[in-house]
N, C-alpha and C. Protein backbone atom coordinates (compact mmCIF):
# COMPACT_ATOMS: atom_id res chain seq x y z
N MET A 1 10.80 -84.84 33.99
CA MET A 1 10.75 -84.00 32.81
C MET A 1 11.04 -82.56 33.25
N ASN A 2 11.90 -81.89 32.53
CA ASN A 2 12.26 -80.56 33.00
C ASN A 2 11.27 -79.50 32.53
N LYS A 3 11.48 -78.29 33.00
CA LYS A 3 10.54 -77.20 32.76
C LYS A 3 10.48 -76.80 31.29
N THR A 4 11.59 -76.93 30.57
CA THR A 4 11.63 -76.54 29.15
C THR A 4 10.72 -77.43 28.31
N VAL A 5 10.77 -78.72 28.54
CA VAL A 5 9.93 -79.66 27.78
C VAL A 5 8.46 -79.40 28.09
N LYS A 6 8.16 -79.13 29.34
CA LYS A 6 6.78 -78.84 29.74
C LYS A 6 6.27 -77.58 29.05
N THR A 7 7.11 -76.55 28.97
CA THR A 7 6.72 -75.31 28.30
C THR A 7 6.53 -75.52 26.80
N ILE A 8 7.42 -76.29 26.19
CA ILE A 8 7.31 -76.56 24.75
C ILE A 8 6.02 -77.33 24.45
N LEU A 9 5.69 -78.31 25.27
CA LEU A 9 4.45 -79.06 25.08
C LEU A 9 3.22 -78.17 25.24
N MET A 10 3.27 -77.25 26.20
CA MET A 10 2.14 -76.36 26.42
C MET A 10 1.94 -75.40 25.24
N VAL A 11 3.03 -74.83 24.75
CA VAL A 11 2.95 -73.91 23.62
C VAL A 11 2.49 -74.64 22.36
N ALA A 12 3.01 -75.84 22.14
CA ALA A 12 2.59 -76.63 20.98
C ALA A 12 1.12 -77.01 21.08
N GLY A 13 0.66 -77.36 22.26
CA GLY A 13 -0.74 -77.72 22.45
C GLY A 13 -1.67 -76.57 22.17
N VAL A 14 -1.33 -75.39 22.69
CA VAL A 14 -2.17 -74.21 22.44
C VAL A 14 -2.16 -73.85 20.96
N GLY A 15 -0.99 -73.93 20.34
CA GLY A 15 -0.89 -73.64 18.90
C GLY A 15 -1.70 -74.60 18.06
N LEU A 16 -1.63 -75.89 18.36
CA LEU A 16 -2.39 -76.88 17.61
C LEU A 16 -3.89 -76.70 17.81
N LEU A 17 -4.30 -76.39 19.03
CA LEU A 17 -5.73 -76.13 19.27
C LEU A 17 -6.22 -74.92 18.49
N ALA A 18 -5.44 -73.85 18.52
CA ALA A 18 -5.84 -72.64 17.80
C ALA A 18 -5.92 -72.90 16.30
N TYR A 19 -4.93 -73.58 15.74
CA TYR A 19 -4.94 -73.88 14.31
C TYR A 19 -6.10 -74.81 13.94
N GLY A 20 -6.38 -75.79 14.78
CA GLY A 20 -7.49 -76.71 14.51
C GLY A 20 -8.83 -76.01 14.52
N VAL A 21 -9.04 -75.12 15.49
CA VAL A 21 -10.30 -74.37 15.55
C VAL A 21 -10.41 -73.43 14.35
N TYR A 22 -9.29 -72.81 13.96
CA TYR A 22 -9.31 -71.91 12.80
C TYR A 22 -9.67 -72.67 11.52
N THR A 23 -9.07 -73.85 11.32
CA THR A 23 -9.36 -74.61 10.10
C THR A 23 -10.79 -75.15 10.12
N MET A 24 -11.36 -75.34 11.30
CA MET A 24 -12.73 -75.81 11.36
C MET A 24 -13.71 -74.69 11.03
N ILE A 25 -13.39 -73.47 11.42
CA ILE A 25 -14.30 -72.34 11.22
C ILE A 25 -14.17 -71.74 9.82
N ALA A 26 -12.95 -71.57 9.34
CA ALA A 26 -12.72 -70.90 8.05
C ALA A 26 -13.13 -71.82 6.89
N PRO A 27 -13.93 -71.31 5.96
CA PRO A 27 -14.31 -72.14 4.80
C PRO A 27 -13.13 -72.35 3.85
N GLU A 28 -13.07 -73.54 3.25
CA GLU A 28 -11.99 -73.84 2.33
C GLU A 28 -12.26 -73.29 0.94
N ALA A 29 -13.49 -73.37 0.50
CA ALA A 29 -13.83 -72.89 -0.84
C ALA A 29 -15.21 -72.25 -0.79
N ALA A 30 -15.37 -71.17 -1.54
CA ALA A 30 -16.66 -70.48 -1.59
C ALA A 30 -16.95 -70.06 -3.02
N ILE A 31 -18.21 -70.21 -3.42
CA ILE A 31 -18.66 -69.82 -4.76
C ILE A 31 -19.84 -68.87 -4.58
N ASN A 32 -19.76 -67.72 -5.21
CA ASN A 32 -20.84 -66.74 -5.18
C ASN A 32 -21.36 -66.53 -6.60
N ILE A 33 -22.62 -66.86 -6.81
CA ILE A 33 -23.28 -66.62 -8.10
C ILE A 33 -24.53 -65.81 -7.81
N GLY A 34 -24.42 -64.52 -8.01
CA GLY A 34 -25.55 -63.65 -7.70
C GLY A 34 -25.88 -63.71 -6.22
N PRO A 35 -27.15 -63.94 -5.90
CA PRO A 35 -27.53 -64.02 -4.49
C PRO A 35 -27.22 -65.39 -3.86
N LEU A 36 -26.80 -66.35 -4.67
CA LEU A 36 -26.52 -67.71 -4.18
C LEU A 36 -25.06 -67.81 -3.73
N SER A 37 -24.85 -68.32 -2.53
CA SER A 37 -23.50 -68.49 -1.99
C SER A 37 -23.36 -69.92 -1.47
N VAL A 38 -22.30 -70.60 -1.91
CA VAL A 38 -22.06 -71.98 -1.51
C VAL A 38 -20.66 -72.06 -0.91
N GLU A 39 -20.54 -72.66 0.28
CA GLU A 39 -19.26 -72.85 0.94
C GLU A 39 -19.04 -74.33 1.20
N ALA A 40 -17.79 -74.78 1.06
CA ALA A 40 -17.45 -76.18 1.28
C ALA A 40 -16.37 -76.27 2.35
N GLN A 41 -16.50 -77.27 3.23
CA GLN A 41 -15.51 -77.50 4.28
C GLN A 41 -15.23 -78.99 4.41
N ASP A 42 -13.99 -79.30 4.73
CA ASP A 42 -13.59 -80.66 5.06
C ASP A 42 -12.90 -80.59 6.42
N ASN A 43 -13.57 -81.06 7.46
CA ASN A 43 -13.09 -80.89 8.83
C ASN A 43 -12.34 -82.09 9.39
N THR A 44 -12.01 -83.08 8.57
CA THR A 44 -11.37 -84.27 9.12
C THR A 44 -9.99 -83.97 9.69
N ASN A 45 -9.22 -83.13 9.00
CA ASN A 45 -7.89 -82.79 9.53
C ASN A 45 -7.99 -81.88 10.74
N ALA A 46 -9.02 -81.08 10.83
CA ALA A 46 -9.19 -80.19 11.97
C ALA A 46 -9.40 -81.00 13.26
N TYR A 47 -10.16 -82.07 13.18
CA TYR A 47 -10.39 -82.90 14.36
C TYR A 47 -9.08 -83.55 14.84
N ILE A 48 -8.27 -83.99 13.90
CA ILE A 48 -6.98 -84.60 14.26
C ILE A 48 -6.07 -83.58 14.92
N THR A 49 -6.03 -82.37 14.37
CA THR A 49 -5.19 -81.31 14.92
C THR A 49 -5.64 -80.93 16.33
N ILE A 50 -6.94 -80.81 16.54
CA ILE A 50 -7.46 -80.48 17.87
C ILE A 50 -7.15 -81.61 18.85
N GLY A 51 -7.28 -82.84 18.42
CA GLY A 51 -6.96 -83.98 19.29
C GLY A 51 -5.49 -83.99 19.70
N LEU A 52 -4.60 -83.70 18.75
CA LEU A 52 -3.17 -83.65 19.09
C LEU A 52 -2.87 -82.49 20.04
N GLY A 53 -3.57 -81.38 19.87
CA GLY A 53 -3.40 -80.26 20.78
C GLY A 53 -3.82 -80.60 22.20
N VAL A 54 -4.94 -81.29 22.33
CA VAL A 54 -5.42 -81.70 23.65
C VAL A 54 -4.44 -82.68 24.30
N VAL A 55 -3.91 -83.61 23.51
CA VAL A 55 -2.95 -84.58 24.05
C VAL A 55 -1.69 -83.87 24.53
N ALA A 56 -1.20 -82.89 23.76
CA ALA A 56 0.00 -82.15 24.15
C ALA A 56 -0.25 -81.35 25.43
N LEU A 57 -1.43 -80.72 25.55
CA LEU A 57 -1.74 -79.97 26.77
C LEU A 57 -1.84 -80.89 27.99
N VAL A 58 -2.49 -82.03 27.83
CA VAL A 58 -2.61 -82.97 28.95
C VAL A 58 -1.23 -83.48 29.35
N ALA A 59 -0.38 -83.77 28.36
CA ALA A 59 0.98 -84.23 28.68
C ALA A 59 1.78 -83.16 29.41
N SER A 60 1.57 -81.89 29.02
CA SER A 60 2.31 -80.82 29.70
C SER A 60 1.83 -80.65 31.14
N PHE A 61 0.55 -80.82 31.40
CA PHE A 61 0.05 -80.69 32.76
C PHE A 61 0.45 -81.89 33.63
N LEU A 62 0.49 -83.07 33.04
CA LEU A 62 0.87 -84.26 33.79
C LEU A 62 2.36 -84.39 33.98
N ALA A 63 3.14 -83.66 33.18
CA ALA A 63 4.60 -83.75 33.27
C ALA A 63 5.11 -83.22 34.60
N GLY A 64 4.43 -82.29 35.20
CA GLY A 64 4.88 -81.72 36.47
C GLY A 64 4.57 -82.58 37.68
N LYS A 65 3.66 -83.53 37.54
CA LYS A 65 3.27 -84.38 38.67
C LYS A 65 4.19 -85.60 38.77
N LYS A 66 4.60 -85.92 39.97
CA LYS A 66 5.45 -87.09 40.18
C LYS A 66 4.67 -88.14 40.93
N ALA A 67 4.96 -89.39 40.62
CA ALA A 67 4.25 -90.50 41.24
C ALA A 67 4.66 -90.74 42.66
């Protein structure tokens, strides 16, 4: 695997990890009624995005090693 593919996998992995963490932290919907505040989150897609990011990073690190 050449250096370009390894770099693309690394950049994609970091990007997917960052986006997954952001979607996990940022609330999707918020309602404020006086002193009462309610926030709702659905983190199922965030876990998938983080998992794909980890797989891309592992693939980029293993791409440089030869058997």
